Amino acid sequence: MISVKPNADNTFSYVIESLDRETGKRKRIVRKGFASKVEAMKAAETKIKEL
């Protein structure tokens, strides 16, 4: 699941949450400091492809 949220300093961050099927634990990746929602979403999609 990807979510993009605004930050207080007029930047955006994305959060990628997934479930590791082998261990049953949640995995959460957070990155901050993007100029726009579109930029944050593209970065999140690229990160998912890497995983």
PDB file of N, CA and C in Angstrom:
ATOM      1  N   MET A   1       0.836  -1.170   0.000  1.00  0.00           N
ATOM      2  CA  MET A   1       0.000   0.000   0.000  1.00  0.00           C
ATOM      3  C   MET A   1       0.887   1.240   0.000  1.00  0.00           C
ATOM      4  N   ILE A   2       0.554   2.188  -0.841  1.00  0.00           N
ATOM      5  CA  ILE A   2       1.292   3.447  -0.932  1.00  0.00           C
ATOM      6  C   ILE A   2       0.385   4.570  -0.468  1.00  0.00           C
ATOM      7  N   SER A   3       0.923   5.451   0.366  1.00  0.00           N
ATOM      8  CA  SER A   3       0.193   6.660   0.727  1.00  0.00           C
ATOM      9  C   SER A   3       1.141   7.847   0.632  1.00  0.00           C
ATOM     10  N   VAL A   4       0.617   8.960   0.113  1.00  0.00           N
ATOM     11  CA  VAL A   4       1.382  10.196  -0.022  1.00  0.00           C
ATOM     12  C   VAL A   4       0.728  11.231   0.872  1.00  0.00           C
ATOM     13  N   LYS A   5       1.550  11.883   1.710  1.00  0.00           N
ATOM     14  CA  LYS A   5       1.015  12.843   2.675  1.00  0.00           C
ATOM     15  C   LYS A   5       1.808  14.147   2.631  1.00  0.00           C
ATOM     16  N   PRO A   6       1.144  15.279   2.862  1.00  0.00           N
ATOM     17  CA  PRO A   6       1.862  16.556   2.940  1.00  0.00           C
ATOM     18  C   PRO A   6       2.558  16.707   4.290  1.00  0.00           C
ATOM     19  N   ASN A   7       3.677  17.402   4.287  1.00  0.00           N
ATOM     20  CA  ASN A   7       4.413  17.701   5.508  1.00  0.00           C
ATOM     21  C   ASN A   7       4.224  19.173   5.868  1.00  0.00           C
ATOM     22  N   ALA A   8       4.589  19.551   7.052  1.00  0.00           N
ATOM     23  CA  ALA A   8       4.420  20.921   7.533  1.00  0.00           C
ATOM     24  C   ALA A   8       5.300  21.917   6.783  1.00  0.00           C
ATOM     25  N   ASP A   9       6.413  21.462   6.217  1.00  0.00           N
ATOM     26  CA  ASP A   9       7.339  22.374   5.530  1.00  0.00           C
ATOM     27  C   ASP A   9       7.074  22.452   4.021  1.00  0.00           C
ATOM     28  N   ASN A  10       5.819  22.238   3.594  1.00  0.00           N
ATOM     29  CA  ASN A  10       5.379  22.320   2.197  1.00  0.00           C
ATOM     30  C   ASN A  10       6.064  21.302   1.296  1.00  0.00           C
ATOM     31  N   THR A  11       6.436  20.158   1.839  1.00  0.00           N
ATOM     32  CA  THR A  11       6.950  19.055   1.043  1.00  0.00           C
ATOM     33  C   THR A  11       6.015  17.861   1.237  1.00  0.00           C
ATOM     34  N   PHE A  12       6.268  16.801   0.494  1.00  0.00           N
ATOM     35  CA  PHE A  12       5.441  15.607   0.586  1.00  0.00           C
ATOM     36  C   PHE A  12       6.298  14.407   0.933  1.00  0.00           C
ATOM     37  N   SER A  13       5.674  13.407   1.540  1.00  0.00           N
ATOM     38  CA  SER A  13       6.374  12.171   1.866  1.00  0.00           C
ATOM     39  C   SER A  13       5.523  11.002   1.418  1.00  0.00           C
ATOM     40  N   TYR A  14       6.189   9.860   1.179  1.00  0.00           N
ATOM     41  CA  TYR A  14       5.428   8.656   0.867  1.00  0.00           C
ATOM     42  C   TYR A  14       5.727   7.584   1.890  1.00  0.00           C
ATOM     43  N   VAL A  15       4.739   6.705   2.073  1.00  0.00           N
ATOM     44  CA  VAL A  15       4.857   5.583   2.989  1.00  0.00           C
ATOM     45  C   VAL A  15       4.450   4.339   2.218  1.00  0.00           C
ATOM     46  N   ILE A  16       5.326   3.348   2.209  1.00  0.00           N
ATOM     47  CA  ILE A  16       5.013   2.057   1.596  1.00  0.00           C
ATOM     48  C   ILE A  16       4.907   1.041   2.720  1.00  0.00           C
ATOM     49  N   GLU A  17       3.757   0.403   2.819  1.00  0.00           N
ATOM     50  CA  GLU A  17       3.556  -0.621   3.834  1.00  0.00           C
ATOM     51  C   GLU A  17       3.298  -1.946   3.141  1.00  0.00           C
ATOM     52  N   SER A  18       3.975  -2.984   3.594  1.00  0.00           N
ATOM     53  CA  SER A  18       3.766  -4.307   3.033  1.00  0.00           C
ATOM     54  C   SER A  18       3.887  -5.341   4.146  1.00  0.00           C
ATOM     55  N   LEU A  19       3.484  -6.545   3.841  1.00  0.00           N
ATOM     56  CA  LEU A  19       3.534  -7.634   4.800  1.00  0.00           C
ATOM     57  C   LEU A  19       4.496  -8.691   4.276  1.00  0.00           C
ATOM     58  N   ASP A  20       5.495  -9.017   5.083  1.00  0.00           N
ATOM     59  CA  ASP A  20       6.447 -10.055   4.714  1.00  0.00           C
ATOM     60  C   ASP A  20       5.783 -11.412   4.954  1.00  0.00           C
ATOM     61  N   ARG A  21       5.554 -12.159   3.909  1.00  0.00           N
ATOM     62  CA  ARG A  21       4.819 -13.412   4.021  1.00  0.00           C
ATOM     63  C   ARG A  21       5.594 -14.494   4.756  1.00  0.00           C
ATOM     64  N   GLU A  22       6.913 -14.448   4.695  1.00  0.00           N
ATOM     65  CA  GLU A  22       7.720 -15.475   5.351  1.00  0.00           C
ATOM     66  C   GLU A  22       7.693 -15.334   6.871  1.00  0.00           C
ATOM     67  N   THR A  23       7.822 -14.093   7.355  1.00  0.00           N
ATOM     68  CA  THR A  23       7.888 -13.881   8.796  1.00  0.00           C
ATOM     69  C   THR A  23       6.574 -13.387   9.391  1.00  0.00           C
ATOM     70  N   GLY A  24       5.673 -12.873   8.550  1.00  0.00           N
ATOM     71  CA  GLY A  24       4.408 -12.346   9.037  1.00  0.00           C
ATOM     72  C   GLY A  24       4.522 -10.963   9.644  1.00  0.00           C
ATOM     73  N   LYS A  25       5.657 -10.290   9.441  1.00  0.00           N
ATOM     74  CA  LYS A  25       5.859  -8.961  10.011  1.00  0.00           C
ATOM     75  C   LYS A  25       5.575  -7.885   8.971  1.00  0.00           C
ATOM     76  N   ARG A  26       5.182  -6.716   9.469  1.00  0.00           N
ATOM     77  CA  ARG A  26       4.948  -5.580   8.592  1.00  0.00           C
ATOM     78  C   ARG A  26       6.267  -4.920   8.232  1.00  0.00           C
ATOM     79  N   LYS A  27       6.323  -4.434   7.017  1.00  0.00           N
ATOM     80  CA  LYS A  27       7.491  -3.713   6.544  1.00  0.00           C
ATOM     81  C   LYS A  27       7.016  -2.318   6.143  1.00  0.00           C
ATOM     82  N   ARG A  28       7.714  -1.295   6.608  1.00  0.00           N
ATOM     83  CA  ARG A  28       7.301   0.076   6.348  1.00  0.00           C
ATOM     84  C   ARG A  28       8.491   0.888   5.882  1.00  0.00           C
ATOM     85  N   ILE A  29       8.344   1.545   4.728  1.00  0.00           N
ATOM     86  CA  ILE A  29       9.397   2.396   4.173  1.00  0.00           C
ATOM     87  C   ILE A  29       8.839   3.809   4.076  1.00  0.00           C
ATOM     88  N   VAL A  30       9.547   4.784   4.641  1.00  0.00           N
ATOM     89  CA  VAL A  30       9.103   6.176   4.630  1.00  0.00           C
ATOM     90  C   VAL A  30      10.218   7.031   4.032  1.00  0.00           C
ATOM     91  N   ARG A  31       9.859   7.878   3.081  1.00  0.00           N
ATOM     92  CA  ARG A  31      10.809   8.835   2.499  1.00  0.00           C
ATOM     93  C   ARG A  31      10.146  10.203   2.468  1.00  0.00           C
ATOM     94  N   LYS A  32      10.903  11.235   2.825  1.00  0.00           N
ATOM     95  CA  LYS A  32      10.369  12.592   2.916  1.00  0.00           C
ATOM     96  C   LYS A  32      11.127  13.545   2.013  1.00  0.00           C
ATOM     97  N   GLY A  33      10.515  14.714   1.762  1.00  0.00           N
ATOM     98  CA  GLY A  33      11.214  15.803   1.094  1.00  0.00           C
ATOM     99  C   GLY A  33      10.946  15.949  -0.388  1.00  0.00           C
ATOM    100  N   PHE A  34       9.814  15.491  -0.879  1.00  0.00           N
ATOM    101  CA  PHE A  34       9.499  15.634  -2.301  1.00  0.00           C
ATOM    102  C   PHE A  34       8.715  16.923  -2.535  1.00  0.00           C
ATOM    103  N   ALA A  35       8.941  17.550  -3.685  1.00  0.00           N
ATOM    104  CA  ALA A  35       8.342  18.851  -3.980  1.00  0.00           C
ATOM    105  C   ALA A  35       6.857  18.756  -4.312  1.00  0.00           C
ATOM    106  N   SER A  36       6.406  17.634  -4.863  1.00  0.00           N
ATOM    107  CA  SER A  36       5.002  17.517  -5.254  1.00  0.00           C
ATOM    108  C   SER A  36       4.498  16.105  -5.001  1.00  0.00           C
ATOM    109  N   LYS A  37       3.166  15.953  -5.032  1.00  0.00           N
ATOM    110  CA  LYS A  37       2.558  14.638  -4.846  1.00  0.00           C
ATOM    111  C   LYS A  37       2.958  13.693  -5.973  1.00  0.00           C
ATOM    112  N   VAL A  38       2.998  14.221  -7.186  1.00  0.00           N
ATOM    113  CA  VAL A  38       3.335  13.404  -8.355  1.00  0.00           C
ATOM    114  C   VAL A  38       4.758  12.865  -8.229  1.00  0.00           C
ATOM    115  N   GLU A  39       5.671  13.723  -7.830  1.00  0.00           N
ATOM    116  CA  GLU A  39       7.064  13.312  -7.655  1.00  0.00           C
ATOM    117  C   GLU A  39       7.190  12.230  -6.580  1.00  0.00           C
ATOM    118  N   ALA A  40       6.471  12.393  -5.481  1.00  0.00           N
ATOM    119  CA  ALA A  40       6.499  11.407  -4.398  1.00  0.00           C
ATOM    120  C   ALA A  40       5.915  10.079  -4.864  1.00  0.00           C
ATOM    121  N   MET A  41       4.826  10.118  -5.635  1.00  0.00           N
ATOM    122  CA  MET A  41       4.189   8.892  -6.118  1.00  0.00           C
ATOM    123  C   MET A  41       5.106   8.157  -7.106  1.00  0.00           C
ATOM    124  N   LYS A  42       5.767   8.886  -7.995  1.00  0.00           N
ATOM    125  CA  LYS A  42       6.699   8.261  -8.933  1.00  0.00           C
ATOM    126  C   LYS A  42       7.861   7.601  -8.199  1.00  0.00           C
ATOM    127  N   ALA A  43       8.384   8.266  -7.175  1.00  0.00           N
ATOM    128  CA  ALA A  43       9.487   7.701  -6.396  1.00  0.00           C
ATOM    129  C   ALA A  43       9.034   6.440  -5.661  1.00  0.00           C
ATOM    130  N   ALA A  44       7.820   6.452  -5.139  1.00  0.00           N
ATOM    131  CA  ALA A  44       7.293   5.278  -4.436  1.00  0.00           C
ATOM    132  C   ALA A  44       7.117   4.105  -5.393  1.00  0.00           C
ATOM    133  N   GLU A  45       6.595   4.370  -6.586  1.00  0.00           N
ATOM    134  CA  GLU A  45       6.416   3.300  -7.572  1.00  0.00           C
ATOM    135  C   GLU A  45       7.760   2.722  -8.006  1.00  0.00           C
ATOM    136  N   THR A  46       8.768   3.578  -8.157  1.00  0.00           N
ATOM    137  CA  THR A  46      10.107   3.106  -8.505  1.00  0.00           C
ATOM    138  C   THR A  46      10.673   2.239  -7.405  1.00  0.00           C
ATOM    139  N   LYS A  47      10.467   2.628  -6.151  1.00  0.00           N
ATOM    140  CA  LYS A  47      10.960   1.844  -5.007  1.00  0.00           C
ATOM    141  C   LYS A  47      10.292   0.478  -4.952  1.00  0.00           C
ATOM    142  N   ILE A  48       9.006   0.417  -5.263  1.00  0.00           N
ATOM    143  CA  ILE A  48       8.296  -0.866  -5.261  1.00  0.00           C
ATOM    144  C   ILE A  48       8.861  -1.802  -6.325  1.00  0.00           C
ATOM    145  N   LYS A  49       9.185  -1.245  -7.486  1.00  0.00           N
ATOM    146  CA  LYS A  49       9.754  -2.068  -8.561  1.00  0.00           C
ATOM    147  C   LYS A  49      11.105  -2.641  -8.153  1.00  0.00           C
ATOM    148  N   GLU A  50      11.877  -1.888  -7.343  1.00  0.00           N
ATOM    149  CA  GLU A  50      13.174  -2.355  -6.875  1.00  0.00           C
ATOM    150  C   GLU A  50      13.043  -3.519  -5.904  1.00  0.00           C
ATOM    151  N   LEU A  51      11.958  -3.509  -5.131  1.00  0.00           N
ATOM    152  CA  LEU A  51      11.743  -4.565  -4.139  1.00  0.00           C
ATOM    153  C   LEU A  51      11.267  -5.767  -4.859  1.00  0.00           C
TER     154      LEU A  51
END
